[in-house]
Structures are given as C-alpha cells and as structure tokens.
C-alpha cells in the first residue's frame, strides 16, 4: 500500500491499480458519517492526483451530498471545477 503518499507513479502498475481500488472500497461500507467523509476526501484526492478524474468527480459529488465536515465540503467545492475542466480536456 502507498501509506500516506498520494503520488503513486513510482509504484508498479498492479500495485497502483490496487491502491486506487482500495481507496474506493473504503467509501462503500456503512461507517460513522465522519469516517465516510474522511474516506471520500482521501479517495477523491488520491484519484485526482493519479489522473483518475471520473472517479475523483464521483467522490467529490458524493462528498458534497453526504459529507459532514464543512471544511472538506468547502475544499471539494473549490476543487470540483478544476476536476471538471481536467475531464473536459481529456
């Protein structure tokens, strides 16, 4: 696993895919709302930094809808237009 690092470019392709999958899986289970917010924010950042823009956008939308932390929601609201522009450029 990548630990706290968000740049996965130095990892082998198989491990990179697995890390992104695991970050997405942590957003699915029924967790405490605060933990779900943290999992969504982490998965969004990891996906965005590794050019998985459609996943990042999905996590951002879910975080805005279900998130409990106002600071995370504010950050996502600021980052979402940048993610949308990046997906449009693809």
PDB file of N, CA and C in Angstrom:
ATOM      1  N   UNK A   1       0.841  -1.182   0.000  1.00  0.00           N
ATOM      2  CA  UNK A   1       0.000   0.000   0.000  1.00  0.00           C
ATOM      3  C   UNK A   1       0.881   1.239   0.000  1.00  0.00           C
ATOM      4  N   UNK A   2       0.362   2.340  -0.384  1.00  0.00           N
ATOM      5  CA  UNK A   2       1.136   3.559  -0.540  1.00  0.00           C
ATOM      6  C   UNK A   2       1.318   4.318   0.770  1.00  0.00           C
ATOM      7  N   UNK A   3       0.688   3.888   1.842  1.00  0.00           N
ATOM      8  CA  UNK A   3       0.808   4.621   3.106  1.00  0.00           C
ATOM      9  C   UNK A   3       0.138   5.968   2.981  1.00  0.00           C
ATOM     10  N   UNK A   4       0.800   7.016   3.452  1.00  0.00           N
ATOM     11  CA  UNK A   4       0.225   8.354   3.410  1.00  0.00           C
ATOM     12  C   UNK A   4       0.525   9.074   2.101  1.00  0.00           C
ATOM     13  N   UNK A   5       1.339   8.470   1.237  1.00  0.00           N
ATOM     14  CA  UNK A   5       1.722   9.117  -0.016  1.00  0.00           C
ATOM     15  C   UNK A   5       0.542   9.135  -0.980  1.00  0.00           C
ATOM     16  N   UNK A   6       0.456  10.180  -1.769  1.00  0.00           N
ATOM     17  CA  UNK A   6      -0.599  10.261  -2.770  1.00  0.00           C
ATOM     18  C   UNK A   6      -0.050  10.162  -4.182  1.00  0.00           C
ATOM     19  N   UNK A   7       1.262  10.212  -4.349  1.00  0.00           N
ATOM     20  CA  UNK A   7       1.868  10.053  -5.667  1.00  0.00           C
ATOM     21  C   UNK A   7       2.207   8.589  -5.851  1.00  0.00           C
ATOM     22  N   UNK A   8       1.483   7.936  -6.722  1.00  0.00           N
ATOM     23  CA  UNK A   8       1.664   6.510  -6.929  1.00  0.00           C
ATOM     24  C   UNK A   8       2.514   6.198  -8.149  1.00  0.00           C
ATOM     25  N   UNK A   9       3.089   7.208  -8.776  1.00  0.00           N
ATOM     26  CA  UNK A   9       3.805   6.997 -10.030  1.00  0.00           C
ATOM     27  C   UNK A   9       5.016   6.083  -9.886  1.00  0.00           C
ATOM     28  N   UNK A  10       5.598   6.004  -8.706  1.00  0.00           N
ATOM     29  CA  UNK A  10       6.778   5.154  -8.523  1.00  0.00           C
ATOM     30  C   UNK A  10       6.412   3.687  -8.286  1.00  0.00           C
ATOM     31  N   UNK A  11       5.125   3.402  -8.075  1.00  0.00           N
ATOM     32  CA  UNK A  11       4.687   2.026  -7.828  1.00  0.00           C
ATOM     33  C   UNK A  11       4.475   1.275  -9.131  1.00  0.00           C
ATOM     34  N   UNK A  12       4.622  -0.055  -9.083  1.00  0.00           N
ATOM     35  CA  UNK A  12       4.278  -0.856 -10.268  1.00  0.00           C
ATOM     36  C   UNK A  12       2.798  -0.692 -10.613  1.00  0.00           C
ATOM     37  N   UNK A  13       2.448  -0.902 -11.870  1.00  0.00           N
ATOM     38  CA  UNK A  13       1.076  -0.697 -12.354  1.00  0.00           C
ATOM     39  C   UNK A  13       0.056  -1.497 -11.551  1.00  0.00           C
ATOM     40  N   UNK A  14       0.362  -2.743 -11.232  1.00  0.00           N
ATOM     41  CA  UNK A  14      -0.574  -3.595 -10.492  1.00  0.00           C
ATOM     42  C   UNK A  14      -0.831  -3.019  -9.100  1.00  0.00           C
ATOM     43  N   UNK A  15       0.220  -2.587  -8.432  1.00  0.00           N
ATOM     44  CA  UNK A  15       0.062  -2.036  -7.089  1.00  0.00           C
ATOM     45  C   UNK A  15      -0.654  -0.688  -7.135  1.00  0.00           C
ATOM     46  N   UNK A  16      -0.408   0.098  -8.168  1.00  0.00           N
ATOM     47  CA  UNK A  16      -1.090   1.388  -8.328  1.00  0.00           C
ATOM     48  C   UNK A  16      -2.594   1.179  -8.477  1.00  0.00           C
ATOM     49  N   UNK A  17      -2.982   0.234  -9.340  1.00  0.00           N
ATOM     50  CA  UNK A  17      -4.400  -0.058  -9.529  1.00  0.00           C
ATOM     51  C   UNK A  17      -5.035  -0.544  -8.232  1.00  0.00           C
ATOM     52  N   UNK A  18      -4.332  -1.412  -7.519  1.00  0.00           N
ATOM     53  CA  UNK A  18      -4.864  -1.962  -6.277  1.00  0.00           C
ATOM     54  C   UNK A  18      -5.059  -0.871  -5.231  1.00  0.00           C
ATOM     55  N   UNK A  19      -4.129   0.056  -5.136  1.00  0.00           N
ATOM     56  CA  UNK A  19      -4.231   1.151  -4.176  1.00  0.00           C
ATOM     57  C   UNK A  19      -5.442   2.022  -4.482  1.00  0.00           C
ATOM     58  N   UNK A  20      -5.652   2.337  -5.747  1.00  0.00           N
ATOM     59  CA  UNK A  20      -6.814   3.136  -6.135  1.00  0.00           C
ATOM     60  C   UNK A  20      -8.116   2.378  -5.860  1.00  0.00           C
ATOM     61  N   UNK A  21      -8.121   1.060  -6.125  1.00  0.00           N
ATOM     62  CA  UNK A  21      -9.301   0.249  -5.823  1.00  0.00           C
ATOM     63  C   UNK A  21      -9.620   0.264  -4.334  1.00  0.00           C
ATOM     64  N   UNK A  22      -8.605   0.058  -3.517  1.00  0.00           N
ATOM     65  CA  UNK A  22      -8.830   0.026  -2.072  1.00  0.00           C
ATOM     66  C   UNK A  22      -9.340   1.362  -1.548  1.00  0.00           C
ATOM     67  N   UNK A  23      -8.822   2.461  -2.078  1.00  0.00           N
ATOM     68  CA  UNK A  23      -9.313   3.764  -1.616  1.00  0.00           C
ATOM     69  C   UNK A  23     -10.784   3.925  -1.963  1.00  0.00           C
ATOM     70  N   UNK A  24     -11.198   3.400  -3.108  1.00  0.00           N
ATOM     71  CA  UNK A  24     -12.613   3.468  -3.490  1.00  0.00           C
ATOM     72  C   UNK A  24     -13.464   2.545  -2.611  1.00  0.00           C
ATOM     73  N   UNK A  25     -12.959   1.354  -2.311  1.00  0.00           N
ATOM     74  CA  UNK A  25     -13.725   0.411  -1.488  1.00  0.00           C
ATOM     75  C   UNK A  25     -13.996   0.956  -0.087  1.00  0.00           C
ATOM     76  N   UNK A  26     -13.106   1.745   0.447  1.00  0.00           N
ATOM     77  CA  UNK A  26     -13.313   2.288   1.785  1.00  0.00           C
ATOM     78  C   UNK A  26     -14.457   3.306   1.831  1.00  0.00           C
ATOM     79  N   UNK A  27     -14.932   3.753   0.697  1.00  0.00           N
ATOM     80  CA  UNK A  27     -16.046   4.702   0.679  1.00  0.00           C
ATOM     81  C   UNK A  27     -17.395   4.000   0.688  1.00  0.00           C
ATOM     82  N   UNK A  28     -17.429   2.680   0.533  1.00  0.00           N
ATOM     83  CA  UNK A  28     -18.673   1.930   0.390  1.00  0.00           C
ATOM     84  C   UNK A  28     -19.291   1.465   1.706  1.00  0.00           C
ATOM     85  N   UNK A  29     -18.532   0.914   2.664  1.00  0.00           N
ATOM     86  CA  UNK A  29     -19.173   0.322   3.852  1.00  0.00           C
ATOM     87  C   UNK A  29     -19.920   1.340   4.701  1.00  0.00           C
ATOM     88  N   UNK A  30     -20.815   0.817   5.512  1.00  0.00           N
ATOM     89  CA  UNK A  30     -21.582   1.663   6.430  1.00  0.00           C
ATOM     90  C   UNK A  30     -20.683   2.020   7.611  1.00  0.00           C
ATOM     91  N   UNK A  31     -20.081   3.168   7.539  1.00  0.00           N
ATOM     92  CA  UNK A  31     -19.203   3.667   8.588  1.00  0.00           C
ATOM     93  C   UNK A  31     -19.868   4.843   9.282  1.00  0.00           C
ATOM     94  N   UNK A  32     -19.250   5.278  10.354  1.00  0.00           N
ATOM     95  CA  UNK A  32     -19.667   6.512  11.006  1.00  0.00           C
ATOM     96  C   UNK A  32     -19.584   7.637   9.964  1.00  0.00           C
ATOM     97  N   UNK A  33     -20.550   8.539   9.926  1.00  0.00           N
ATOM     98  CA  UNK A  33     -20.546   9.596   8.903  1.00  0.00           C
ATOM     99  C   UNK A  33     -19.233  10.385   8.824  1.00  0.00           C
ATOM    100  N   UNK A  34     -18.601  10.629   9.964  1.00  0.00           N
ATOM    101  CA  UNK A  34     -17.325  11.351   9.925  1.00  0.00           C
ATOM    102  C   UNK A  34     -16.245  10.535   9.227  1.00  0.00           C
ATOM    103  N   UNK A  35     -16.274   9.219   9.412  1.00  0.00           N
ATOM    104  CA  UNK A  35     -15.283   8.363   8.769  1.00  0.00           C
ATOM    105  C   UNK A  35     -15.547   8.235   7.276  1.00  0.00           C
ATOM    106  N   UNK A  36     -16.818   8.212   6.898  1.00  0.00           N
ATOM    107  CA  UNK A  36     -17.155   8.174   5.474  1.00  0.00           C
ATOM    108  C   UNK A  36     -16.656   9.441   4.797  1.00  0.00           C
ATOM    109  N   UNK A  37     -16.834  10.579   5.447  1.00  0.00           N
ATOM    110  CA  UNK A  37     -16.360  11.849   4.896  1.00  0.00           C
ATOM    111  C   UNK A  37     -14.855  11.804   4.670  1.00  0.00           C
ATOM    112  N   UNK A  38     -14.119  11.319   5.641  1.00  0.00           N
ATOM    113  CA  UNK A  38     -12.665  11.226   5.509  1.00  0.00           C
ATOM    114  C   UNK A  38     -12.266  10.263   4.396  1.00  0.00           C
ATOM    115  N   UNK A  39     -12.949   9.119   4.302  1.00  0.00           N
ATOM    116  CA  UNK A  39     -12.647   8.147   3.254  1.00  0.00           C
ATOM    117  C   UNK A  39     -12.926   8.734   1.870  1.00  0.00           C
ATOM    118  N   UNK A  40     -14.034   9.446   1.720  1.00  0.00           N
ATOM    119  CA  UNK A  40     -14.364  10.068   0.438  1.00  0.00           C
ATOM    120  C   UNK A  40     -13.352  11.144   0.064  1.00  0.00           C
ATOM    121  N   UNK A  41     -12.958  11.963   1.031  1.00  0.00           N
ATOM    122  CA  UNK A  41     -11.995  13.033   0.760  1.00  0.00           C
ATOM    123  C   UNK A  41     -10.644  12.436   0.352  1.00  0.00           C
ATOM    124  N   UNK A  42     -10.212  11.411   1.063  1.00  0.00           N
ATOM    125  CA  UNK A  42      -8.942  10.762   0.741  1.00  0.00           C
ATOM    126  C   UNK A  42      -8.985  10.100  -0.633  1.00  0.00           C
ATOM    127  N   UNK A  43     -10.076   9.393  -0.917  1.00  0.00           N
ATOM    128  CA  UNK A  43     -10.210   8.728  -2.216  1.00  0.00           C
ATOM    129  C   UNK A  43     -10.271   9.745  -3.347  1.00  0.00           C
ATOM    130  N   UNK A  44     -10.960  10.865  -3.128  1.00  0.00           N
ATOM    131  CA  UNK A  44     -11.035  11.903  -4.151  1.00  0.00           C
ATOM    132  C   UNK A  44      -9.646  12.468  -4.450  1.00  0.00           C
ATOM    133  N   UNK A  45      -8.884  12.786  -3.407  1.00  0.00           N
ATOM    134  CA  UNK A  45      -7.554  13.339  -3.603  1.00  0.00           C
ATOM    135  C   UNK A  45      -6.621  12.350  -4.283  1.00  0.00           C
ATOM    136  N   UNK A  46      -6.661  11.094  -3.860  1.00  0.00           N
ATOM    137  CA  UNK A  46      -5.812  10.073  -4.453  1.00  0.00           C
ATOM    138  C   UNK A  46      -6.152   9.879  -5.924  1.00  0.00           C
ATOM    139  N   UNK A  47      -7.436   9.795  -6.243  1.00  0.00           N
ATOM    140  CA  UNK A  47      -7.854   9.621  -7.632  1.00  0.00           C
ATOM    141  C   UNK A  47      -7.482  10.839  -8.471  1.00  0.00           C
ATOM    142  N   UNK A  48      -7.681  12.030  -7.941  1.00  0.00           N
ATOM    143  CA  UNK A  48      -7.373  13.252  -8.681  1.00  0.00           C
ATOM    144  C   UNK A  48      -5.882  13.362  -8.978  1.00  0.00           C
ATOM    145  N   UNK A  49      -5.053  13.087  -7.999  1.00  0.00           N
ATOM    146  CA  UNK A  49      -3.599  13.203  -8.189  1.00  0.00           C
ATOM    147  C   UNK A  49      -3.040  12.135  -9.114  1.00  0.00           C
ATOM    148  N   UNK A  50      -3.792  11.076  -9.315  1.00  0.00           N
ATOM    149  CA  UNK A  50      -3.339   9.995 -10.190  1.00  0.00           C
ATOM    150  C   UNK A  50      -4.139   9.919 -11.482  1.00  0.00           C
ATOM    151  N   UNK A  51      -4.746  11.045 -11.850  1.00  0.00           N
ATOM    152  CA  UNK A  51      -5.431  11.236 -13.131  1.00  0.00           C
ATOM    153  C   UNK A  51      -6.598  10.279 -13.360  1.00  0.00           C
ATOM    154  N   UNK A  52      -7.254   9.857 -12.276  1.00  0.00           N
ATOM    155  CA  UNK A  52      -8.484   9.075 -12.364  1.00  0.00           C
ATOM    156  C   UNK A  52      -9.636  10.064 -12.147  1.00  0.00           C
ATOM    157  N   UNK A  53      -9.814  10.942 -13.126  1.00  0.00           N
ATOM    158  CA  UNK A  53     -10.656  12.118 -12.943  1.00  0.00           C
ATOM    159  C   UNK A  53     -12.146  11.800 -12.811  1.00  0.00           C
ATOM    160  N   UNK A  54     -12.642  10.813 -13.528  1.00  0.00           N
ATOM    161  CA  UNK A  54     -14.068  10.489 -13.386  1.00  0.00           C
ATOM    162  C   UNK A  54     -14.353   9.933 -11.991  1.00  0.00           C
ATOM    163  N   UNK A  55     -13.423   9.147 -11.449  1.00  0.00           N
ATOM    164  CA  UNK A  55     -13.585   8.653 -10.077  1.00  0.00           C
ATOM    165  C   UNK A  55     -13.521   9.808  -9.089  1.00  0.00           C
ATOM    166  N   UNK A  56     -12.575  10.708  -9.293  1.00  0.00           N
ATOM    167  CA  UNK A  56     -12.434  11.864  -8.404  1.00  0.00           C
ATOM    168  C   UNK A  56     -13.707  12.702  -8.406  1.00  0.00           C
ATOM    169  N   UNK A  57     -14.290  12.881  -9.573  1.00  0.00           N
ATOM    170  CA  UNK A  57     -15.523  13.655  -9.681  1.00  0.00           C
ATOM    171  C   UNK A  57     -16.680  12.957  -8.956  1.00  0.00           C
ATOM    172  N   UNK A  58     -16.757  11.654  -9.083  1.00  0.00           N
ATOM    173  CA  UNK A  58     -17.799  10.901  -8.377  1.00  0.00           C
ATOM    174  C   UNK A  58     -17.647  11.009  -6.867  1.00  0.00           C
ATOM    175  N   UNK A  59     -16.410  10.893  -6.376  1.00  0.00           N
ATOM    176  CA  UNK A  59     -16.171  11.040  -4.940  1.00  0.00           C
ATOM    177  C   UNK A  59     -16.502  12.460  -4.482  1.00  0.00           C
ATOM    178  N   UNK A  60     -16.165  13.449  -5.298  1.00  0.00           N
ATOM    179  CA  UNK A  60     -16.451  14.846  -4.946  1.00  0.00           C
ATOM    180  C   UNK A  60     -17.956  15.074  -4.832  1.00  0.00           C
ATOM    181  N   UNK A  61     -18.715  14.562  -5.787  1.00  0.00           N
ATOM    182  CA  UNK A  61     -20.173  14.727  -5.747  1.00  0.00           C
ATOM    183  C   UNK A  61     -20.777  14.052  -4.516  1.00  0.00           C
ATOM    184  N   UNK A  62     -20.305  12.849  -4.209  1.00  0.00           N
ATOM    185  CA  UNK A  62     -20.818  12.137  -3.035  1.00  0.00           C
ATOM    186  C   UNK A  62     -20.443  12.863  -1.758  1.00  0.00           C
ATOM    187  N   UNK A  63     -19.232  13.401  -1.722  1.00  0.00           N
ATOM    188  CA  UNK A  63     -18.797  14.131  -0.528  1.00  0.00           C
ATOM    189  C   UNK A  63     -19.620  15.387  -0.313  1.00  0.00           C
ATOM    190  N   UNK A  64     -19.929  16.103  -1.375  1.00  0.00           N
ATOM    191  CA  UNK A  64     -20.770  17.298  -1.249  1.00  0.00           C
ATOM    192  C   UNK A  64     -22.164  16.913  -0.759  1.00  0.00           C
ATOM    193  N   UNK A  65     -22.664  15.775  -1.244  1.00  0.00           N
ATOM    194  CA  UNK A  65     -24.010  15.325  -0.873  1.00  0.00           C
ATOM    195  C   UNK A  65     -24.077  14.763   0.548  1.00  0.00           C
ATOM    196  N   UNK A  66     -23.104  13.935   0.934  1.00  0.00           N
ATOM    197  CA  UNK A  66     -23.193  13.202   2.195  1.00  0.00           C
ATOM    198  C   UNK A  66     -22.184  13.625   3.251  1.00  0.00           C
ATOM    199  N   UNK A  67     -21.269  14.501   2.911  1.00  0.00           N
ATOM    200  CA  UNK A  67     -20.199  14.861   3.837  1.00  0.00           C
ATOM    201  C   UNK A  67     -20.686  15.577   5.079  1.00  0.00           C
ATOM    202  N   UNK A  68     -19.944  15.393   6.181  1.00  0.00           N
ATOM    203  CA  UNK A  68     -20.326  16.007   7.448  1.00  0.00           C
ATOM    204  C   UNK A  68     -19.380  17.126   7.870  1.00  0.00           C
ATOM    205  N   UNK A  69     -18.220  17.218   7.242  1.00  0.00           N
ATOM    206  CA  UNK A  69     -17.224  18.200   7.633  1.00  0.00           C
ATOM    207  C   UNK A  69     -17.300  19.413   6.696  1.00  0.00           C
ATOM    208  N   UNK A  70     -17.595  20.563   7.259  1.00  0.00           N
ATOM    209  CA  UNK A  70     -17.775  21.779   6.449  1.00  0.00           C
ATOM    210  C   UNK A  70     -16.496  22.167   5.712  1.00  0.00           C
ATOM    211  N   UNK A  71     -15.341  21.989   6.344  1.00  0.00           N
ATOM    212  CA  UNK A  71     -14.072  22.357   5.698  1.00  0.00           C
ATOM    213  C   UNK A  71     -13.815  21.464   4.484  1.00  0.00           C
ATOM    214  N   UNK A  72     -14.060  20.153   4.610  1.00  0.00           N
ATOM    215  CA  UNK A  72     -13.888  19.253   3.474  1.00  0.00           C
ATOM    216  C   UNK A  72     -14.839  19.630   2.348  1.00  0.00           C
ATOM    217  N   UNK A  73     -16.092  19.925   2.693  1.00  0.00           N
ATOM    218  CA  UNK A  73     -17.073  20.308   1.678  1.00  0.00           C
ATOM    219  C   UNK A  73     -16.641  21.580   0.948  1.00  0.00           C
ATOM    220  N   UNK A  74     -16.102  22.532   1.699  1.00  0.00           N
ATOM    221  CA  UNK A  74     -15.625  23.779   1.095  1.00  0.00           C
ATOM    222  C   UNK A  74     -14.464  23.508   0.147  1.00  0.00           C
ATOM    223  N   UNK A  75     -13.513  22.682   0.581  1.00  0.00           N
ATOM    224  CA  UNK A  75     -12.374  22.341  -0.270  1.00  0.00           C
ATOM    225  C   UNK A  75     -12.827  21.636  -1.539  1.00  0.00           C
ATOM    226  N   UNK A  76     -13.775  20.726  -1.402  1.00  0.00           N
ATOM    227  CA  UNK A  76     -14.284  19.985  -2.556  1.00  0.00           C
ATOM    228  C   UNK A  76     -15.006  20.931  -3.508  1.00  0.00           C
ATOM    229  N   UNK A  77     -15.784  21.843  -2.976  1.00  0.00           N
ATOM    230  CA  UNK A  77     -16.492  22.808  -3.820  1.00  0.00           C
ATOM    231  C   UNK A  77     -15.519  23.669  -4.612  1.00  0.00           C
ATOM    232  N   UNK A  78     -14.351  23.939  -4.038  1.00  0.00           N
ATOM    233  CA  UNK A  78     -13.321  24.705  -4.749  1.00  0.00           C
ATOM    234  C   UNK A  78     -12.599  23.837  -5.779  1.00  0.00           C
ATOM    235  N   UNK A  79     -12.379  22.557  -5.471  1.00  0.00           N
ATOM    236  CA  UNK A  79     -11.630  21.667  -6.352  1.00  0.00           C
ATOM    237  C   UNK A  79     -12.471  21.107  -7.496  1.00  0.00           C
ATOM    238  N   UNK A  80     -13.773  20.986  -7.302  1.00  0.00           N
ATOM    239  CA  UNK A  80     -14.635  20.352  -8.294  1.00  0.00           C
ATOM    240  C   UNK A  80     -14.565  21.033  -9.676  1.00  0.00           C
ATOM    241  N   UNK A  81     -14.606  22.359  -9.762  1.00  0.00           N
ATOM    242  CA  UNK A  81     -14.489  22.972 -11.098  1.00  0.00           C
ATOM    243  C   UNK A  81     -13.167  22.634 -11.804  1.00  0.00           C
ATOM    244  N   UNK A  82     -12.076  22.518 -11.040  1.00  0.00           N
ATOM    245  CA  UNK A  82     -10.783  22.159 -11.624  1.00  0.00           C
ATOM    246  C   UNK A  82     -10.829  20.736 -12.171  1.00  0.00           C
ATOM    247  N   UNK A  83     -11.466  19.831 -11.432  1.00  0.00           N
ATOM    248  CA  UNK A  83     -11.587  18.452 -11.883  1.00  0.00           C
ATOM    249  C   UNK A  83     -12.448  18.387 -13.151  1.00  0.00           C
ATOM    250  N   UNK A  84     -13.533  19.163 -13.177  1.00  0.00           N
ATOM    251  CA  UNK A  84     -14.397  19.194 -14.351  1.00  0.00           C
ATOM    252  C   UNK A  84     -13.649  19.693 -15.582  1.00  0.00           C
ATOM    253  N   UNK A  85     -12.826  20.715 -15.403  1.00  0.00           N
ATOM    254  CA  UNK A  85     -12.031  21.227 -16.529  1.00  0.00           C
ATOM    255  C   UNK A  85     -11.036  20.191 -17.010  1.00  0.00           C
ATOM    256  N   UNK A  86     -10.420  19.492 -16.077  1.00  0.00           N
ATOM    257  CA  UNK A  86      -9.453  18.458 -16.469  1.00  0.00           C
ATOM    258  C   UNK A  86     -10.120  17.320 -17.229  1.00  0.00           C
ATOM    259  N   UNK A  87     -11.328  16.916 -16.817  1.00  0.00           N
ATOM    260  CA  UNK A  87     -12.023  15.844 -17.523  1.00  0.00           C
ATOM    261  C   UNK A  87     -12.465  16.314 -18.907  1.00  0.00           C
ATOM    262  N   UNK A  88     -12.783  17.592 -19.047  1.00  0.00           N
ATOM    263  CA  UNK A  88     -13.175  18.123 -20.345  1.00  0.00           C
ATOM    264  C   UNK A  88     -12.002  18.152 -21.318  1.00  0.00           C
ATOM    265  N   UNK A  89     -10.791  18.291 -20.789  1.00  0.00           N
ATOM    266  CA  UNK A  89      -9.586  18.337 -21.628  1.00  0.00           C
ATOM    267  C   UNK A  89      -9.184  16.966 -22.139  1.00  0.00           C
ATOM    268  N   UNK A  90      -9.729  15.926 -21.567  1.00  0.00           N
ATOM    269  CA  UNK A  90      -9.318  14.566 -21.964  1.00  0.00           C
ATOM    270  C   UNK A  90      -9.931  14.143 -23.252  1.00  0.00           C
TER     271      UNK A  90
END
